[in-house]
PDB file of N, CA and C in Angstrom:
ATOM      1  N   UNK A   1       0.514  -1.660  -0.186  1.00  0.00           N
ATOM      2  CA  UNK A   1      -0.022  -0.147   0.608  1.00  0.00           C
ATOM      3  C   UNK A   1       1.077   0.970   0.616  1.00  0.00           C
ATOM      4  N   UNK A   2       1.164   2.130  -0.897  1.00  0.00           N
ATOM      5  CA  UNK A   2       0.754   3.619  -0.699  1.00  0.00           C
ATOM      6  C   UNK A   2       0.310   4.883  -0.460  1.00  0.00           C
ATOM      7  N   UNK A   3       1.704   5.102   0.397  1.00  0.00           N
ATOM      8  CA  UNK A   3       0.367   6.632   1.411  1.00  0.00           C
ATOM      9  C   UNK A   3       1.173   7.625   0.332  1.00  0.00           C
ATOM     10  N   UNK A   4      -0.137   8.488  -0.023  1.00  0.00           N
ATOM     11  CA  UNK A   4       0.753  10.178  -0.202  1.00  0.00           C
ATOM     12  C   UNK A   4       0.100  11.266   0.192  1.00  0.00           C
ATOM     13  N   UNK A   5       0.073  11.753   0.868  1.00  0.00           N
ATOM     14  CA  UNK A   5      -0.555  12.397   1.733  1.00  0.00           C
ATOM     15  C   UNK A   5      -1.103  13.577   1.435  1.00  0.00           C
ATOM     16  N   UNK A   6      -0.528  13.649  -0.221  1.00  0.00           N
ATOM     17  CA  UNK A   6      -1.243  15.374  -0.483  1.00  0.00           C
ATOM     18  C   UNK A   6      -2.243  14.811  -1.157  1.00  0.00           C
ATOM     19  N   UNK A   7      -2.057  13.747  -2.665  1.00  0.00           N
ATOM     20  CA  UNK A   7      -3.382  12.753  -2.883  1.00  0.00           C
ATOM     21  C   UNK A   7      -4.653  13.148  -1.490  1.00  0.00           C
ATOM     22  N   UNK A   8      -4.304  12.002  -0.890  1.00  0.00           N
ATOM     23  CA  UNK A   8      -5.642  11.393   0.018  1.00  0.00           C
ATOM     24  C   UNK A   8      -6.112  13.353   0.336  1.00  0.00           C
ATOM     25  N   UNK A   9      -5.075  13.960   0.766  1.00  0.00           N
ATOM     26  CA  UNK A   9      -5.723  15.326   1.254  1.00  0.00           C
ATOM     27  C   UNK A   9      -6.632  16.130   0.485  1.00  0.00           C
ATOM     28  N   UNK A  10      -6.480  16.021  -1.259  1.00  0.00           N
ATOM     29  CA  UNK A  10      -6.812  15.788  -2.405  1.00  0.00           C
ATOM     30  C   UNK A  10      -7.966  14.977  -2.189  1.00  0.00           C
ATOM     31  N   UNK A  11      -8.503  14.452  -2.493  1.00  0.00           N
ATOM     32  CA  UNK A  11      -9.550  12.956  -1.966  1.00  0.00           C
ATOM     33  C   UNK A  11     -10.458  13.724  -0.576  1.00  0.00           C
ATOM     34  N   UNK A  12      -9.739  14.504   0.646  1.00  0.00           N
ATOM     35  CA  UNK A  12     -10.635  14.525   1.433  1.00  0.00           C
ATOM     36  C   UNK A  12     -11.248  16.093   1.110  1.00  0.00           C
ATOM     37  N   UNK A  13     -11.518  16.323   0.644  1.00  0.00           N
ATOM     38  CA  UNK A  13     -11.362  18.240  -0.070  1.00  0.00           C
ATOM     39  C   UNK A  13     -12.382  17.435  -1.135  1.00  0.00           C
ATOM     40  N   UNK A  14     -12.025  16.740  -1.570  1.00  0.00           N
ATOM     41  CA  UNK A  14     -13.947  15.977  -2.750  1.00  0.00           C
ATOM     42  C   UNK A  14     -12.735  17.008  -4.274  1.00  0.00           C
ATOM     43  N   UNK A  15     -11.759  17.134  -3.812  1.00  0.00           N
ATOM     44  CA  UNK A  15     -11.348  17.498  -5.235  1.00  0.00           C
ATOM     45  C   UNK A  15     -10.784  15.897  -5.644  1.00  0.00           C
ATOM     46  N   UNK A  16     -11.903  15.895  -6.408  1.00  0.00           N
ATOM     47  CA  UNK A  16     -10.959  13.438  -6.995  1.00  0.00           C
ATOM     48  C   UNK A  16     -10.315  13.815  -8.425  1.00  0.00           C
ATOM     49  N   UNK A  17     -10.840  15.021  -9.446  1.00  0.00           N
ATOM     50  CA  UNK A  17      -9.731  15.265 -10.460  1.00  0.00           C
ATOM     51  C   UNK A  17      -7.506  15.705 -10.390  1.00  0.00           C
ATOM     52  N   UNK A  18      -8.145  16.010  -9.252  1.00  0.00           N
ATOM     53  CA  UNK A  18      -6.332  16.773  -8.711  1.00  0.00           C
ATOM     54  C   UNK A  18      -6.413  15.614  -7.981  1.00  0.00           C
ATOM     55  N   UNK A  19      -6.990  15.096  -7.025  1.00  0.00           N
ATOM     56  CA  UNK A  19      -6.370  14.334  -6.791  1.00  0.00           C
ATOM     57  C   UNK A  19      -5.285  12.672  -7.705  1.00  0.00           C
ATOM     58  N   UNK A  20      -6.899  12.542  -7.844  1.00  0.00           N
ATOM     59  CA  UNK A  20      -6.395  10.980  -9.992  1.00  0.00           C
ATOM     60  C   UNK A  20      -5.663  11.851 -10.351  1.00  0.00           C
ATOM     61  N   UNK A  21      -5.207  12.543 -10.778  1.00  0.00           N
ATOM     62  CA  UNK A  21      -3.760  13.072 -11.450  1.00  0.00           C
ATOM     63  C   UNK A  21      -2.163  13.209 -10.571  1.00  0.00           C
ATOM     64  N   UNK A  22      -2.977  13.679  -9.183  1.00  0.00           N
ATOM     65  CA  UNK A  22      -1.446  13.243  -8.352  1.00  0.00           C
ATOM     66  C   UNK A  22      -1.668  11.343  -7.590  1.00  0.00           C
ATOM     67  N   UNK A  23      -2.346  10.867  -8.354  1.00  0.00           N
ATOM     68  CA  UNK A  23      -1.914   8.808  -7.709  1.00  0.00           C
ATOM     69  C   UNK A  23      -1.304   8.680  -9.052  1.00  0.00           C
ATOM     70  N   UNK A  24      -1.538   9.953 -10.786  1.00  0.00           N
ATOM     71  CA  UNK A  24      -1.003   8.847 -11.382  1.00  0.00           C
ATOM     72  C   UNK A  24       0.378   9.769 -11.599  1.00  0.00           C
ATOM     73  N   UNK A  25       1.211  10.107 -10.429  1.00  0.00           N
ATOM     74  CA  UNK A  25       1.710  10.533 -10.528  1.00  0.00           C
ATOM     75  C   UNK A  25       2.817   9.803  -9.375  1.00  0.00           C
ATOM     76  N   UNK A  26       2.052   9.243  -8.801  1.00  0.00           N
ATOM     77  CA  UNK A  26       2.466   8.830  -7.832  1.00  0.00           C
ATOM     78  C   UNK A  26       3.451   7.209  -8.205  1.00  0.00           C
ATOM     79  N   UNK A  27       2.316   6.502  -9.245  1.00  0.00           N
ATOM     80  CA  UNK A  27       1.767   5.024  -9.745  1.00  0.00           C
ATOM     81  C   UNK A  27       3.763   6.124 -10.542  1.00  0.00           C
ATOM     82  N   UNK A  28       3.839   6.747 -11.148  1.00  0.00           N
ATOM     83  CA  UNK A  28       5.023   7.238 -12.236  1.00  0.00           C
ATOM     84  C   UNK A  28       6.250   6.515 -11.163  1.00  0.00           C
ATOM     85  N   UNK A  29       6.461   6.973  -9.508  1.00  0.00           N
ATOM     86  CA  UNK A  29       7.602   6.537  -8.056  1.00  0.00           C
ATOM     87  C   UNK A  29       7.224   5.341  -7.968  1.00  0.00           C
ATOM     88  N   UNK A  30       6.552   4.730  -7.620  1.00  0.00           N
ATOM     89  CA  UNK A  30       6.528   3.014  -7.003  1.00  0.00           C
ATOM     90  C   UNK A  30       7.480   2.496  -8.492  1.00  0.00           C
ATOM     91  N   UNK A  31       7.707   0.905  -7.766  1.00  0.00           N
ATOM     92  CA  UNK A  31       8.413   0.119  -9.061  1.00  0.00           C
ATOM     93  C   UNK A  31       7.970  -1.234  -8.250  1.00  0.00           C
ATOM     94  N   UNK A  32       6.862  -0.870  -7.593  1.00  0.00           N
ATOM     95  CA  UNK A  32       6.204  -2.629  -7.845  1.00  0.00           C
ATOM     96  C   UNK A  32       5.590  -3.017  -8.260  1.00  0.00           C
ATOM     97  N   UNK A  33       4.929  -3.956  -8.852  1.00  0.00           N
ATOM     98  CA  UNK A  33       3.660  -4.192  -9.486  1.00  0.00           C
ATOM     99  C   UNK A  33       2.364  -4.051  -8.911  1.00  0.00           C
ATOM    100  N   UNK A  34       2.540  -4.875  -7.632  1.00  0.00           N
ATOM    101  CA  UNK A  34       1.485  -4.776  -7.306  1.00  0.00           C
ATOM    102  C   UNK A  34       1.106  -3.284  -6.893  1.00  0.00           C
ATOM    103  N   UNK A  35       2.259  -1.955  -5.736  1.00  0.00           N
ATOM    104  CA  UNK A  35       1.731  -1.344  -5.396  1.00  0.00           C
ATOM    105  C   UNK A  35       1.025  -0.152  -7.241  1.00  0.00           C
ATOM    106  N   UNK A  36       1.465  -0.154  -7.787  1.00  0.00           N
ATOM    107  CA  UNK A  36       1.030   0.344  -9.267  1.00  0.00           C
ATOM    108  C   UNK A  36      -0.960   0.050  -9.352  1.00  0.00           C
ATOM    109  N   UNK A  37      -0.587  -1.181  -8.805  1.00  0.00           N
ATOM    110  CA  UNK A  37      -1.822  -1.211  -8.875  1.00  0.00           C
ATOM    111  C   UNK A  37      -2.692  -1.447  -8.022  1.00  0.00           C
ATOM    112  N   UNK A  38      -2.359  -1.482  -7.398  1.00  0.00           N
ATOM    113  CA  UNK A  38      -3.822  -0.906  -5.688  1.00  0.00           C
ATOM    114  C   UNK A  38      -3.117   0.959  -6.084  1.00  0.00           C
ATOM    115  N   UNK A  39      -2.871   1.344  -6.855  1.00  0.00           N
ATOM    116  CA  UNK A  39      -2.211   3.239  -6.426  1.00  0.00           C
ATOM    117  C   UNK A  39      -3.391   3.940  -8.382  1.00  0.00           C
ATOM    118  N   UNK A  40      -3.564   2.770  -8.513  1.00  0.00           N
ATOM    119  CA  UNK A  40      -4.649   2.205 -10.011  1.00  0.00           C
ATOM    120  C   UNK A  40      -5.781   2.493  -9.776  1.00  0.00           C
ATOM    121  N   UNK A  41      -6.164   1.187  -8.637  1.00  0.00           N
ATOM    122  CA  UNK A  41      -7.292   0.858  -8.188  1.00  0.00           C
ATOM    123  C   UNK A  41      -8.185   2.633  -7.438  1.00  0.00           C
ATOM    124  N   UNK A  42      -7.284   3.258  -6.918  1.00  0.00           N
ATOM    125  CA  UNK A  42      -7.444   3.897  -5.824  1.00  0.00           C
ATOM    126  C   UNK A  42      -7.345   5.869  -7.278  1.00  0.00           C
ATOM    127  N   UNK A  43      -7.204   5.797  -8.239  1.00  0.00           N
ATOM    128  CA  UNK A  43      -7.046   6.684  -9.202  1.00  0.00           C
ATOM    129  C   UNK A  43      -8.302   6.453 -10.128  1.00  0.00           C
ATOM    130  N   UNK A  44      -8.704   5.108  -9.596  1.00  0.00           N
ATOM    131  CA  UNK A  44      -9.977   4.767 -10.886  1.00  0.00           C
ATOM    132  C   UNK A  44     -10.779   5.399  -9.897  1.00  0.00           C
ATOM    133  N   UNK A  45     -10.951   5.234  -8.084  1.00  0.00           N
ATOM    134  CA  UNK A  45     -11.603   5.185  -7.751  1.00  0.00           C
ATOM    135  C   UNK A  45     -12.011   6.594  -7.687  1.00  0.00           C
ATOM    136  N   UNK A  46     -11.267   7.739  -7.739  1.00  0.00           N
ATOM    137  CA  UNK A  46     -11.591   9.079  -7.583  1.00  0.00           C
ATOM    138  C   UNK A  46     -12.290   9.361  -8.350  1.00  0.00           C
ATOM    139  N   UNK A  47     -11.202   8.508 -10.098  1.00  0.00           N
ATOM    140  CA  UNK A  47     -12.546   9.291 -11.644  1.00  0.00           C
ATOM    141  C   UNK A  47     -13.723   8.910 -11.284  1.00  0.00           C
ATOM    142  N   UNK A  48     -14.097   7.883 -11.069  1.00  0.00           N
ATOM    143  CA  UNK A  48     -15.364   7.376 -10.074  1.00  0.00           C
ATOM    144  C   UNK A  48     -15.715   8.255  -9.564  1.00  0.00           C
ATOM    145  N   UNK A  49     -15.253   8.807  -8.632  1.00  0.00           N
ATOM    146  CA  UNK A  49     -16.316   9.868  -7.586  1.00  0.00           C
ATOM    147  C   UNK A  49     -17.040  11.322  -9.116  1.00  0.00           C
ATOM    148  N   UNK A  50     -15.745  11.653  -9.221  1.00  0.00           N
ATOM    149  CA  UNK A  50     -15.295  12.753 -10.448  1.00  0.00           C
ATOM    150  C   UNK A  50     -17.018  13.156 -10.944  1.00  0.00           C
ATOM    151  N   UNK A  51     -18.005  11.504 -11.968  1.00  0.00           N
ATOM    152  CA  UNK A  51     -18.771  11.580 -12.445  1.00  0.00           C
ATOM    153  C   UNK A  51     -19.959  12.579 -11.903  1.00  0.00           C
ATOM    154  N   UNK A  52     -20.792  13.881 -12.540  1.00  0.00           N
ATOM    155  CA  UNK A  52     -21.698  14.666 -12.353  1.00  0.00           C
ATOM    156  C   UNK A  52     -22.277  14.081 -11.982  1.00  0.00           C
ATOM    157  N   UNK A  53     -23.979  14.670 -11.163  1.00  0.00           N
ATOM    158  CA  UNK A  53     -24.982  13.759 -11.122  1.00  0.00           C
ATOM    159  C   UNK A  53     -25.282  14.148 -12.359  1.00  0.00           C
ATOM    160  N   UNK A  54     -27.125  13.751 -12.631  1.00  0.00           N
ATOM    161  CA  UNK A  54     -27.789  13.913 -14.359  1.00  0.00           C
ATOM    162  C   UNK A  54     -28.998  15.319 -13.829  1.00  0.00           C
ATOM    163  N   UNK A  55     -28.273  15.990 -15.092  1.00  0.00           N
ATOM    164  CA  UNK A  55     -28.460  17.138 -15.856  1.00  0.00           C
ATOM    165  C   UNK A  55     -29.713  17.171 -14.844  1.00  0.00           C
ATOM    166  N   UNK A  56     -30.901  17.895 -13.738  1.00  0.00           N
ATOM    167  CA  UNK A  56     -31.940  18.001 -14.171  1.00  0.00           C
ATOM    168  C   UNK A  56     -32.932  19.014 -15.620  1.00  0.00           C
ATOM    169  N   UNK A  57     -34.122  18.448 -15.904  1.00  0.00           N
ATOM    170  CA  UNK A  57     -34.814  18.712 -16.583  1.00  0.00           C
ATOM    171  C   UNK A  57     -36.203  20.561 -16.108  1.00  0.00           C
ATOM    172  N   UNK A  58     -35.074  21.180 -16.630  1.00  0.00           N
ATOM    173  CA  UNK A  58     -36.773  21.970 -16.479  1.00  0.00           C
ATOM    174  C   UNK A  58     -37.495  21.999 -16.351  1.00  0.00           C
ATOM    175  N   UNK A  59     -39.212  22.172 -14.981  1.00  0.00           N
ATOM    176  CA  UNK A  59     -40.202  22.036 -14.821  1.00  0.00           C
ATOM    177  C   UNK A  59     -40.662  23.514 -14.837  1.00  0.00           C
ATOM    178  N   UNK A  60     -41.340  23.323 -15.660  1.00  0.00           N
ATOM    179  CA  UNK A  60     -41.925  25.181 -15.505  1.00  0.00           C
ATOM    180  C   UNK A  60     -44.011  25.453 -14.881  1.00  0.00           C
ATOM    181  N   UNK A  61     -44.700  23.375 -14.742  1.00  0.00           N
ATOM    182  CA  UNK A  61     -45.075  23.069 -14.531  1.00  0.00           C
ATOM    183  C   UNK A  61     -46.348  23.825 -12.761  1.00  0.00           C
ATOM    184  N   UNK A  62     -44.664  23.841 -11.904  1.00  0.00           N
ATOM    185  CA  UNK A  62     -45.450  23.570 -11.035  1.00  0.00           C
ATOM    186  C   UNK A  62     -45.320  25.594 -10.332  1.00  0.00           C
ATOM    187  N   UNK A  63     -45.175  26.549 -10.751  1.00  0.00           N
ATOM    188  CA  UNK A  63     -44.476  28.063 -11.142  1.00  0.00           C
ATOM    189  C   UNK A  63     -45.949  28.532 -11.995  1.00  0.00           C
ATOM    190  N   UNK A  64     -46.219  27.755 -13.404  1.00  0.00           N
ATOM    191  CA  UNK A  64     -47.283  27.957 -14.082  1.00  0.00           C
ATOM    192  C   UNK A  64     -48.658  27.940 -12.662  1.00  0.00           C
ATOM    193  N   UNK A  65     -48.533  25.941 -12.062  1.00  0.00           N
ATOM    194  CA  UNK A  65     -50.502  26.818 -10.724  1.00  0.00           C
ATOM    195  C   UNK A  65     -50.500  27.846 -10.347  1.00  0.00           C
ATOM    196  N   UNK A  66     -48.834  27.840  -9.229  1.00  0.00           N
ATOM    197  CA  UNK A  66     -48.500  29.671  -8.300  1.00  0.00           C
ATOM    198  C   UNK A  66     -48.978  31.051  -9.197  1.00  0.00           C
ATOM    199  N   UNK A  67     -48.735  30.819 -11.265  1.00  0.00           N
ATOM    200  CA  UNK A  67     -49.058  31.878 -11.480  1.00  0.00           C
ATOM    201  C   UNK A  67     -50.781  31.854 -10.782  1.00  0.00           C
ATOM    202  N   UNK A  68     -51.299  30.411 -12.623  1.00  0.00           N
ATOM    203  CA  UNK A  68     -52.391  31.386 -12.219  1.00  0.00           C
ATOM    204  C   UNK A  68     -53.770  30.635 -11.109  1.00  0.00           C
ATOM    205  N   UNK A  69     -53.056  30.103  -9.811  1.00  0.00           N
ATOM    206  CA  UNK A  69     -53.787  30.402  -8.402  1.00  0.00           C
ATOM    207  C   UNK A  69     -53.725  31.814  -7.956  1.00  0.00           C
ATOM    208  N   UNK A  70     -52.657  32.453  -7.717  1.00  0.00           N
ATOM    209  CA  UNK A  70     -51.698  34.324  -8.100  1.00  0.00           C
ATOM    210  C   UNK A  70     -53.179  35.097  -8.318  1.00  0.00           C
ATOM    211  N   UNK A  71     -53.837  34.672 -10.183  1.00  0.00           N
ATOM    212  CA  UNK A  71     -53.620  35.316 -11.270  1.00  0.00           C
ATOM    213  C   UNK A  71     -55.413  35.398 -10.347  1.00  0.00           C
ATOM    214  N   UNK A  72     -55.913  34.055 -10.069  1.00  0.00           N
ATOM    215  CA  UNK A  72     -57.345  33.304  -9.238  1.00  0.00           C
ATOM    216  C   UNK A  72     -57.674  34.573  -7.876  1.00  0.00           C
ATOM    217  N   UNK A  73     -56.355  34.257  -7.066  1.00  0.00           N
ATOM    218  CA  UNK A  73     -57.015  35.262  -5.818  1.00  0.00           C
ATOM    219  C   UNK A  73     -57.053  37.029  -6.170  1.00  0.00           C
ATOM    220  N   UNK A  74     -55.558  37.206  -7.179  1.00  0.00           N
ATOM    221  CA  UNK A  74     -56.445  39.438  -7.497  1.00  0.00           C
ATOM    222  C   UNK A  74     -57.596  38.740  -8.688  1.00  0.00           C
ATOM    223  N   UNK A  75     -58.062  38.077  -9.123  1.00  0.00           N
ATOM    224  CA  UNK A  75     -59.477  38.777  -9.803  1.00  0.00           C
ATOM    225  C   UNK A  75     -58.683  38.213 -11.028  1.00  0.00           C
ATOM    226  N   UNK A  76     -58.027  38.586 -11.861  1.00  0.00           N
ATOM    227  CA  UNK A  76     -57.819  39.474 -12.969  1.00  0.00           C
ATOM    228  C   UNK A  76     -57.754  37.477 -13.809  1.00  0.00           C
ATOM    229  N   UNK A  77     -57.901  36.846 -13.905  1.00  0.00           N
ATOM    230  CA  UNK A  77     -57.711  35.909 -14.286  1.00  0.00           C
ATOM    231  C   UNK A  77     -58.506  35.197 -15.521  1.00  0.00           C
ATOM    232  N   UNK A  78     -58.006  35.102 -16.480  1.00  0.00           N
ATOM    233  CA  UNK A  78     -59.751  34.476 -17.461  1.00  0.00           C
ATOM    234  C   UNK A  78     -58.971  34.238 -18.571  1.00  0.00           C
ATOM    235  N   UNK A  79     -59.490  33.429 -19.561  1.00  0.00           N
ATOM    236  CA  UNK A  79     -58.817  31.790 -21.115  1.00  0.00           C
ATOM    237  C   UNK A  79     -57.613  32.776 -21.506  1.00  0.00           C
ATOM    238  N   UNK A  80     -56.758  31.720 -21.784  1.00  0.00           N
ATOM    239  CA  UNK A  80     -55.900  31.617 -22.391  1.00  0.00           C
ATOM    240  C   UNK A  80     -54.910  32.452 -23.088  1.00  0.00           C
ATOM    241  N   UNK A  81     -54.895  33.495 -21.484  1.00  0.00           N
ATOM    242  CA  UNK A  81     -53.893  34.785 -21.192  1.00  0.00           C
ATOM    243  C   UNK A  81     -54.434  35.609 -21.352  1.00  0.00           C
ATOM    244  N   UNK A  82     -55.984  35.879 -21.734  1.00  0.00           N
ATOM    245  CA  UNK A  82     -56.591  37.644 -22.261  1.00  0.00           C
ATOM    246  C   UNK A  82     -55.505  38.959 -21.548  1.00  0.00           C
ATOM    247  N   UNK A  83     -55.746  38.480 -20.105  1.00  0.00           N
ATOM    248  CA  UNK A  83     -56.235  39.834 -19.092  1.00  0.00           C
ATOM    249  C   UNK A  83     -54.218  39.589 -19.230  1.00  0.00           C
ATOM    250  N   UNK A  84     -53.647  39.691 -20.496  1.00  0.00           N
ATOM    251  CA  UNK A  84     -51.693  40.277 -20.284  1.00  0.00           C
ATOM    252  C   UNK A  84     -52.207  40.775 -22.166  1.00  0.00           C
ATOM    253  N   UNK A  85     -52.703  40.391 -22.724  1.00  0.00           N
ATOM    254  CA  UNK A  85     -52.867  40.146 -24.342  1.00  0.00           C
ATOM    255  C   UNK A  85     -53.289  41.885 -24.530  1.00  0.00           C
ATOM    256  N   UNK A  86     -53.182  43.173 -25.648  1.00  0.00           N
ATOM    257  CA  UNK A  86     -53.197  43.495 -25.836  1.00  0.00           C
ATOM    258  C   UNK A  86     -55.038  44.501 -26.304  1.00  0.00           C
ATOM    259  N   UNK A  87     -55.348  44.772 -26.416  1.00  0.00           N
ATOM    260  CA  UNK A  87     -55.972  44.485 -27.287  1.00  0.00           C
ATOM    261  C   UNK A  87     -56.520  44.986 -28.209  1.00  0.00           C
ATOM    262  N   UNK A  88     -57.303  43.283 -28.817  1.00  0.00           N
ATOM    263  CA  UNK A  88     -57.546  44.165 -30.650  1.00  0.00           C
ATOM    264  C   UNK A  88     -57.268  42.738 -30.524  1.00  0.00           C
ATOM    265  N   UNK A  89     -56.292  41.834 -29.598  1.00  0.00           N
ATOM    266  CA  UNK A  89     -55.451  40.540 -30.184  1.00  0.00           C
ATOM    267  C   UNK A  89     -56.485  39.686 -30.267  1.00  0.00           C
ATOM    268  N   UNK A  90     -56.309  38.207 -31.060  1.00  0.00           N
ATOM    269  CA  UNK A  90     -56.982  37.256 -30.862  1.00  0.00           C
ATOM    270  C   UNK A  90     -56.114  36.347 -29.441  1.00  0.00           C
TER     271      UNK A  90
END
């Protein structure tokens, strides 16, 4: 097992890309195959942690519902959004 305080500190801070780069540098300094394999697994773990969470799509359904309820409370609700159209608009 190889110890590298700098790489471990980067991991602790959540800086996984930088930690993976540091582990790669440490791997180049290893003389034993077992040590290189251990460092490779540690680096792969860092790269797995780097993956970003899936992007949430924007959903404006809740906003639309809140706006509609507010318009009804204010007494300005009209069908098809006519409350905000200029005169003569269809």
